[in-house]
Amino acid sequence: MRRLEKLLSSLIVILICVLIGAAALQSKQLTGIKSTISQVVSEAKQVISSAVNLITNDSEQSESNTSGKPAEKTKAKSGTPAIPVESKITSAPASDDAQSSVTEPVAAATLNSVWGETGMKGLTVYEYGKTLLNSTEKSSYCNIADAVRNVEPQLKVKTVLTPTQIKKVYEYYIYDHSDIFYIEGVSLVYYQEGNEYAYTFSFEYKYGGDKAKINTMRSQIRTKALQMLSAADGKSTDLKKEKALHDVLIKQCSYDLKAAQNQEAYPDSFSVYGALVNNKAVCQGYAQTMKLLLSSVGIKTLYITGQANGGGHAWNMVQIGGKWRYLDATFDDPVYYNSKGDYTSYSTISYTYFNYTSKDDRTIGTFDSANPFSGTSENYATMPKVN
């Protein structure tokens, strides 16, 4: 039914495009510019082709592959996540290191800021992806961020950015903003006007797009997050803050084995809401929450995806003392086989995956620069160097 609805919507878009072409012809005739019937057909075909190309390309994937829904976009965000089994318990590090339509022009201060607004006072996210963009791309990035933060159903943007560029901008925004637990997906329609493109983003939200409900859930997240952030109060270095937040998340959140085996039944466990409010999450929830907490105390943190132990996985990169390291709170909160052969979670904290530089059990996903909306595209085109 959803695919039929999409097809019908696509046909409507094409019809609208034809009307636009006809209107353009009429305008030309009124100004005395001659247009033949063949020229009209040619112009209409060109407009329709742009819409059909987008629909055709995206229909080759599942419907959610054109969206920002991390849980369905790639294997790293769907299916059965890698379960953190029998991780070795190690001692904590002893060393310390230094440590609606939104097309208005974006203020320079917002354009250049690397700390993104979340709609939750006192909480922020590090916008690494935005640092990789040029000024025109950053402007569209901020437009998208404003629209989604305000739970707007649509966003219209007119820009010189190509479809590939605008898709890249959207994907970078999705990876940067671990706070948007309520985004379900997006459909993108566009047509070309001269050297510009007119884009329409139609956002799909969870919880029926109910702003009041989403704001209530934001308030719940904020309350729990600020309580956790108090664990970092008074810590003298970024490393000490990182360890304190790593530990408090593991103490208060349990790995959700049921969600790992049935995502549709436990969707909240794939977000910061599950980790912070329900105290249950899978790797995606752990990693997005770790990014939110660490960013909120000024530590540059990335949410990254890939493969681990043969399954899709999500974890983090953090900058501590000017050096980038990997951090995996999920695997530092391991589950074990009990005497009955079932998985069991224990209240233990591991540091095996705390600020490591490499592990043989995992592979970081790569970004598809040719088609950022493809089902295999992950992370960013340029990743920080671990040194």
Protein backbone atom coordinates (compact mmCIF):
# COMPACT_ATOMS: atom_id res chain seq x y z
CA MET A 1 0.00 0.00 0.00
CA ARG A 2 2.83 2.42 0.89
CA ARG A 3 4.55 1.73 -2.45
CA LEU A 4 1.26 2.34 -4.29
CA GLU A 5 0.83 5.61 -2.42
CA LYS A 6 4.39 6.58 -3.35
CA LEU A 7 3.74 5.73 -7.02
CA LEU A 8 0.55 7.79 -7.06
CA SER A 9 2.39 10.67 -5.40
CA SER A 10 5.14 10.40 -8.01
CA LEU A 11 2.59 10.54 -10.86
CA ILE A 12 1.05 13.64 -9.30
CA VAL A 13 4.50 15.24 -9.15
CA ILE A 14 5.04 14.49 -12.82
CA LEU A 15 1.66 16.00 -13.76
CA ILE A 16 2.52 19.11 -11.77
CA CYS A 17 5.81 19.33 -13.60
CA VAL A 18 3.93 19.19 -16.94
CA LEU A 19 1.67 22.03 -15.81
CA ILE A 20 4.75 24.03 -14.82
CA GLY A 21 6.13 23.50 -18.32
CA ALA A 22 2.85 24.61 -19.87
CA ALA A 23 2.75 27.70 -17.70
CA ALA A 24 6.29 28.52 -18.73
CA LEU A 25 5.25 28.27 -22.40
CA GLN A 26 2.29 30.57 -21.90
CA SER A 27 4.54 33.09 -20.19
CA LYS A 28 6.93 33.01 -23.13
CA GLN A 29 4.13 33.55 -25.62
CA LEU A 30 2.83 36.57 -23.71
CA THR A 31 6.24 38.21 -23.84
CA GLY A 32 6.46 37.71 -27.55
CA ILE A 33 8.94 34.81 -27.51
CA LYS A 34 8.08 32.14 -30.06
CA SER A 35 7.95 28.50 -28.96
CA THR A 36 7.12 25.57 -31.21
CA ILE A 37 5.18 22.52 -30.12
CA SER A 38 8.34 20.42 -30.28
CA GLN A 39 10.13 22.86 -27.99
CA VAL A 40 7.25 22.61 -25.51
CA VAL A 41 7.43 18.82 -25.54
CA SER A 42 11.21 18.92 -25.15
CA GLU A 43 11.02 21.26 -22.15
CA ALA A 44 8.27 19.20 -20.51
CA LYS A 45 10.25 15.99 -21.03
CA GLN A 46 13.30 17.58 -19.44
CA VAL A 47 11.34 18.59 -16.34
CA ILE A 48 9.59 15.21 -16.10
CA SER A 49 12.89 13.39 -16.61
CA SER A 50 14.40 15.01 -13.51
CA ALA A 51 11.52 13.80 -11.34
CA VAL A 52 11.41 10.34 -12.97
CA ASN A 53 15.16 9.85 -12.56
CA LEU A 54 14.93 10.49 -8.84
CA ILE A 55 11.92 8.19 -8.46
CA THR A 56 13.51 5.44 -10.60
CA ASN A 57 16.85 5.55 -8.82
CA ASP A 58 15.29 5.44 -5.40
CA SER A 59 12.70 2.79 -6.25
CA GLU A 60 15.53 0.34 -6.94
CA GLN A 61 16.17 0.44 -3.20
CA SER A 62 13.69 -0.11 -0.41
CA GLU A 63 11.49 2.87 0.37
CA SER A 64 13.47 3.71 3.49
CA ASN A 65 16.78 3.81 1.62
CA THR A 66 15.99 7.33 0.45
CA SER A 67 15.42 8.45 3.98
CA GLY A 68 17.31 9.50 7.07
CA LYS A 69 16.03 6.55 9.04
CA PRO A 70 19.27 5.10 10.36
CA ALA A 71 17.63 1.86 11.43
CA GLU A 72 16.70 0.89 7.84
CA LYS A 73 19.31 2.53 5.67
CA THR A 74 22.11 -0.03 5.79
CA LYS A 75 23.03 -3.24 7.52
CA ALA A 76 24.87 -1.19 10.10
CA LYS A 77 21.55 0.25 11.16
CA SER A 78 19.15 -2.63 10.58
CA GLY A 79 18.64 -6.31 11.06
CA THR A 80 20.25 -8.04 14.00
CA PRO A 81 22.96 -5.83 15.54
CA ALA A 82 26.26 -7.25 16.66
CA ILE A 83 25.75 -8.49 20.23
CA PRO A 84 28.62 -7.52 22.58
CA VAL A 85 29.45 -11.02 23.86
CA GLU A 86 32.06 -11.84 26.51
CA SER A 87 34.11 -8.72 26.16
CA LYS A 88 37.29 -8.82 28.25
CA ILE A 89 37.13 -6.76 31.43
CA THR A 90 40.11 -4.47 31.83
CA SER A 91 41.06 -1.80 34.32
CA ALA A 92 40.24 1.83 33.69
CA PRO A 93 42.96 3.94 32.01
CA ALA A 94 45.31 5.45 34.55
CA SER A 95 47.00 7.93 32.25
CA ASP A 96 45.62 11.40 31.65
CA ASP A 97 45.63 13.43 28.45
CA ALA A 98 45.16 17.12 27.81
CA GLN A 99 42.19 17.40 26.42
CA SER A 100 7.92 24.52 6.86
CA SER A 101 9.97 26.39 4.17
CA VAL A 102 13.26 27.55 5.55
CA THR A 103 15.12 29.25 2.74
CA GLU A 104 16.18 32.44 4.51
CA PRO A 105 19.90 33.29 4.48
CA VAL A 106 21.71 31.69 7.41
CA ALA A 107 23.64 33.91 9.80
CA ALA A 108 27.41 33.52 9.58
CA ALA A 109 27.69 32.63 13.27
CA THR A 110 25.28 29.72 12.81
CA LEU A 111 26.87 28.74 9.51
CA ASN A 112 30.32 28.38 11.06
CA SER A 113 29.36 26.92 14.43
CA VAL A 114 30.34 23.28 15.00
CA TRP A 115 27.95 22.78 17.92
CA GLY A 116 24.42 22.07 16.76
CA GLU A 117 21.17 22.96 18.48
CA THR A 118 19.01 20.07 19.65
CA GLY A 119 15.88 21.79 20.87
CA MET A 120 16.89 20.69 24.38
CA LYS A 121 18.55 23.38 26.48
CA GLY A 122 21.97 22.37 27.76
CA LEU A 123 22.40 19.61 25.15
CA THR A 124 24.28 19.91 21.88
CA VAL A 125 25.86 17.75 19.18
CA TYR A 126 29.19 18.13 17.40
CA GLU A 127 28.49 18.83 13.73
CA TYR A 128 31.53 17.21 12.15
CA GLY A 129 29.78 16.72 8.81
CA LYS A 130 29.06 20.41 8.53
CA THR A 131 32.79 21.18 8.82
CA LEU A 132 33.31 19.23 5.57
CA LEU A 133 30.88 21.39 3.58
CA ASN A 134 31.33 24.58 1.59
CA SER A 135 29.36 27.71 2.49
CA THR A 136 26.49 26.96 0.08
CA GLU A 137 26.17 23.41 1.39
CA LYS A 138 26.31 24.66 4.98
CA SER A 139 23.40 26.98 4.30
CA SER A 140 21.21 24.09 3.12
CA TYR A 141 22.42 22.01 6.07
CA CYS A 142 21.19 24.70 8.47
CA ASN A 143 17.87 24.93 6.62
CA ILE A 144 17.36 21.18 7.07
CA ALA A 145 18.39 21.33 10.73
CA ASP A 146 15.91 24.13 11.48
CA ALA A 147 13.06 22.33 9.72
CA VAL A 148 13.57 18.99 11.47
CA ARG A 149 14.18 20.58 14.87
CA ASN A 150 10.83 22.35 14.49
CA VAL A 151 9.17 19.15 13.22
CA GLU A 152 8.13 20.86 9.98
CA PRO A 153 6.44 18.53 7.48
CA GLN A 154 8.14 20.08 4.45
CA LEU A 155 11.15 22.13 3.47
CA LYS A 156 11.62 23.90 0.13
CA VAL A 157 15.12 24.92 -0.89
CA LYS A 158 16.27 26.59 -4.10
CA THR A 159 20.01 26.29 -4.63
CA VAL A 160 22.78 25.68 -7.15
CA LEU A 161 23.64 22.44 -5.33
CA THR A 162 23.24 19.34 -7.48
CA PRO A 163 21.05 16.41 -6.35
CA THR A 164 24.17 14.48 -5.31
CA GLN A 165 25.38 17.42 -3.23
CA ILE A 166 22.03 17.98 -1.50
CA LYS A 167 21.80 14.27 -0.65
CA LYS A 168 25.29 14.43 0.85
CA VAL A 169 24.26 17.41 2.96
CA TYR A 170 21.22 15.56 4.27
CA GLU A 171 23.17 12.40 5.10
CA TYR A 172 25.84 14.40 6.94
CA TYR A 173 23.11 16.10 8.95
CA ILE A 174 21.59 12.73 9.91
CA TYR A 175 24.93 11.38 11.13
CA ASP A 176 25.72 14.60 13.00
CA HIS A 177 22.40 14.84 14.82
CA SER A 178 22.04 11.86 17.14
CA ASP A 179 19.32 13.83 18.94
CA ILE A 180 16.62 13.44 16.27
CA PHE A 181 15.09 10.25 17.67
CA TYR A 182 11.76 11.16 16.06
CA ILE A 183 12.74 11.19 12.37
CA GLU A 184 11.26 8.35 10.32
CA GLY A 185 12.28 9.18 6.79
CA VAL A 186 12.29 11.70 3.97
CA SER A 187 11.26 11.88 0.32
CA LEU A 188 13.03 14.30 -1.99
CA VAL A 189 11.55 15.75 -5.19
CA TYR A 190 13.22 18.35 -7.38
CA TYR A 191 13.23 20.05 -10.75
CA GLN A 192 15.79 22.25 -12.46
CA GLU A 193 15.34 25.94 -13.22
CA GLY A 194 18.25 27.22 -15.23
CA ASN A 195 21.39 26.65 -13.19
CA GLU A 196 19.39 26.16 -9.97
CA TYR A 197 17.44 23.28 -8.48
CA ALA A 198 14.18 23.58 -6.56
CA TYR A 199 14.06 20.86 -3.89
CA THR A 200 11.15 19.77 -1.74
CA PHE A 201 11.93 17.65 1.31
CA SER A 202 8.88 15.86 2.74
CA PHE A 203 9.76 14.60 6.21
CA GLU A 204 8.15 11.61 7.87
CA TYR A 205 8.14 11.60 11.65
CA LYS A 206 7.53 8.94 14.27
CA TYR A 207 4.74 9.33 16.83
CA GLY A 208 2.46 10.68 14.12
CA GLY A 209 4.54 13.84 13.92
CA ASP A 210 2.81 15.02 17.11
CA LYS A 211 4.92 18.04 18.15
CA ALA A 212 3.48 18.07 21.67
CA LYS A 213 4.40 14.43 22.21
CA ILE A 214 7.86 14.86 20.69
CA ASN A 215 8.51 17.91 22.90
CA THR A 216 7.41 15.92 25.95
CA MET A 217 9.84 13.16 25.00
CA ARG A 218 12.57 15.77 24.47
CA SER A 219 11.91 17.04 27.97
CA GLN A 220 12.28 13.50 29.34
CA ILE A 221 15.55 13.03 27.45
CA ARG A 222 16.88 16.36 28.69
CA THR A 223 16.07 15.56 32.32
CA LYS A 224 17.87 12.20 32.19
CA ALA A 225 20.79 13.55 30.16
CA LEU A 226 21.45 16.43 32.54
CA GLN A 227 21.42 13.97 35.45
CA MET A 228 24.06 11.87 33.68
CA LEU A 229 26.09 14.94 32.72
CA SER A 230 26.46 15.79 36.40
CA ALA A 231 28.87 12.83 36.58
CA ALA A 232 31.35 14.94 34.61
CA ASP A 233 31.03 17.98 36.90
CA GLY A 234 34.35 19.01 38.39
CA LYS A 235 36.43 16.70 36.19
CA SER A 236 39.65 18.45 35.25
CA THR A 237 40.29 16.91 31.82
CA ASP A 238 38.37 15.66 28.80
CA LEU A 239 39.61 12.12 29.47
CA LYS A 240 38.14 12.15 32.97
CA LYS A 241 34.87 13.57 31.66
CA GLU A 242 34.75 10.94 28.94
CA LYS A 243 35.35 8.07 31.39
CA ALA A 244 32.73 9.41 33.82
CA LEU A 245 30.06 9.60 31.09
CA HIS A 246 31.09 6.25 29.59
CA ASP A 247 30.68 4.64 33.01
CA VAL A 248 27.40 6.28 33.97
CA LEU A 249 25.78 5.31 30.66
CA ILE A 250 26.82 1.68 31.08
CA LYS A 251 25.61 1.63 34.69
CA GLN A 252 22.19 3.03 33.83
CA CYS A 253 21.55 1.41 30.44
CA SER A 254 21.23 -2.30 29.64
CA TYR A 255 21.72 -3.93 26.27
CA ASP A 256 18.28 -4.74 24.83
CA LEU A 257 18.54 -8.29 23.48
CA LYS A 258 14.87 -8.36 22.50
CA ALA A 259 15.26 -5.24 20.39
CA ALA A 260 18.38 -6.65 18.74
CA GLN A 261 16.28 -9.57 17.53
CA ASN A 262 13.10 -7.64 16.72
CA GLN A 263 13.60 -4.00 15.82
CA GLU A 264 10.00 -3.33 14.83
CA ALA A 265 8.71 -4.33 18.26
CA TYR A 266 11.20 -2.13 20.17
CA PRO A 267 11.98 0.92 17.98
CA ASP A 268 12.86 3.24 20.88
CA SER A 269 15.85 1.06 21.77
CA PHE A 270 17.53 2.31 18.61
CA SER A 271 17.64 5.91 19.84
CA VAL A 272 18.71 8.22 22.64
CA TYR A 273 15.20 7.97 24.05
CA GLY A 274 15.58 4.25 24.68
CA ALA A 275 19.01 4.61 26.27
CA LEU A 276 18.21 7.62 28.46
CA VAL A 277 14.53 7.25 29.34
CA ASN A 278 13.83 3.52 29.09
CA ASN A 279 17.37 2.53 30.14
CA LYS A 280 17.47 -0.05 27.35
CA ALA A 281 19.17 0.20 23.98
CA VAL A 282 21.12 -1.55 21.26
CA CYS A 283 24.35 -0.24 19.74
CA GLN A 284 22.67 2.60 17.89
CA GLY A 285 21.09 3.93 21.08
CA TYR A 286 24.36 3.64 23.04
CA ALA A 287 26.44 5.37 20.35
CA GLN A 288 23.96 8.18 19.71
CA THR A 289 23.66 8.83 23.45
CA MET A 290 27.43 8.80 23.91
CA LYS A 291 27.71 11.42 21.16
CA LEU A 292 25.03 13.58 22.75
CA LEU A 293 26.56 13.42 26.23
CA LEU A 294 30.17 13.98 25.18
CA SER A 295 29.27 16.78 22.77
CA SER A 296 27.36 18.49 25.57
CA VAL A 297 30.54 18.76 27.66
CA GLY A 298 32.53 20.08 24.69
CA ILE A 299 34.18 16.86 23.51
CA LYS A 300 34.16 16.42 19.73
CA THR A 301 32.41 13.12 19.07
CA LEU A 302 31.25 11.28 15.96
CA TYR A 303 28.56 8.65 15.55
CA ILE A 304 29.85 6.01 13.12
CA THR A 305 28.55 2.76 11.67
CA GLY A 306 29.96 -0.37 10.10
CA GLN A 307 30.36 -4.06 10.81
CA ALA A 308 31.48 -5.82 14.01
CA ASN A 309 31.55 -9.54 14.77
CA GLY A 310 29.66 -10.19 11.56
CA GLY A 311 26.75 -7.86 12.29
CA GLY A 312 25.78 -4.25 11.72
CA HIS A 313 27.14 -2.00 14.45
CA ALA A 314 27.36 1.61 15.63
CA TRP A 315 30.00 3.19 17.85
CA ASN A 316 31.91 6.47 18.26
CA MET A 317 35.04 8.42 17.47
CA VAL A 318 36.19 10.94 20.08
CA GLN A 319 38.89 13.60 20.13
CA ILE A 320 40.82 13.51 23.39
CA GLY A 321 43.96 15.60 23.87
CA GLY A 322 43.92 16.54 20.18
CA LYS A 323 43.98 12.87 19.10
CA TRP A 324 41.13 10.86 17.60
CA ARG A 325 40.26 7.52 19.19
CA TYR A 326 37.45 4.96 18.94
CA LEU A 327 34.97 4.42 21.75
CA ASP A 328 32.40 1.62 21.97
CA ALA A 329 30.16 1.82 25.04
CA THR A 330 28.03 -1.06 23.74
CA PHE A 331 30.88 -3.55 23.72
CA ASP A 332 32.05 -2.20 27.07
CA ASP A 333 28.64 -3.26 28.45
CA PRO A 334 28.86 -6.93 27.49
CA VAL A 335 26.35 -9.76 27.81
CA TYR A 336 27.30 -13.34 28.63
CA TYR A 337 26.01 -16.84 28.18
CA ASN A 338 24.46 -18.18 31.36
CA SER A 339 24.33 -21.82 32.43
CA LYS A 340 21.20 -22.32 30.30
CA GLY A 341 22.91 -21.06 27.18
CA ASP A 342 20.98 -17.79 27.16
CA TYR A 343 22.39 -14.28 26.96
CA THR A 344 22.54 -12.50 30.30
CA SER A 345 23.55 -8.93 31.12
CA TYR A 346 25.69 -8.18 34.16
CA SER A 347 26.49 -4.93 35.93
CA THR A 348 30.11 -4.85 34.80
CA ILE A 349 32.07 -2.16 33.00
CA SER A 350 34.75 -3.04 30.47
CA TYR A 351 37.39 -0.71 29.04
CA THR A 352 38.48 -2.98 26.21
CA TYR A 353 36.86 -0.60 23.70
CA PHE A 354 37.69 2.64 25.50
CA ASN A 355 39.82 4.94 23.33
CA TYR A 356 41.31 2.19 21.20
CA THR A 357 43.10 2.79 17.89
CA SER A 358 42.23 -0.40 16.00
CA LYS A 359 40.36 -3.69 16.39
CA ASP A 360 40.34 -6.68 14.07
CA ASP A 361 36.68 -7.45 14.76
CA ARG A 362 35.24 -4.44 12.95
CA THR A 363 35.12 -2.50 9.69
CA ILE A 364 33.99 1.11 9.29
CA GLY A 365 31.43 1.69 6.55
CA THR A 366 32.33 3.93 3.61
CA PHE A 367 30.48 6.88 2.12
CA ASP A 368 29.14 6.58 -1.44
CA SER A 369 30.00 9.95 -2.97
CA ALA A 370 28.26 9.06 -6.23
CA ASN A 371 24.98 8.15 -4.53
CA PRO A 372 24.79 9.22 -0.87
CA PHE A 373 21.25 7.80 -0.55
CA SER A 374 22.35 4.28 -1.55
CA GLY A 375 21.75 1.48 0.93
CA THR A 376 25.50 0.91 1.35
CA SER A 377 26.53 4.52 2.00
CA GLU A 378 27.65 5.21 5.57
CA ASN A 379 29.47 7.85 7.61
CA TYR A 380 31.36 10.68 5.85
CA ALA A 381 33.46 10.97 2.70
CA THR A 382 36.39 12.17 4.83
CA MET A 383 36.93 10.59 8.24
CA PRO A 384 39.22 11.90 11.01
CA LYS A 385 42.61 10.22 11.15
CA VAL A 386 43.25 8.08 14.21
CA ASN A 387 46.78 8.78 15.38
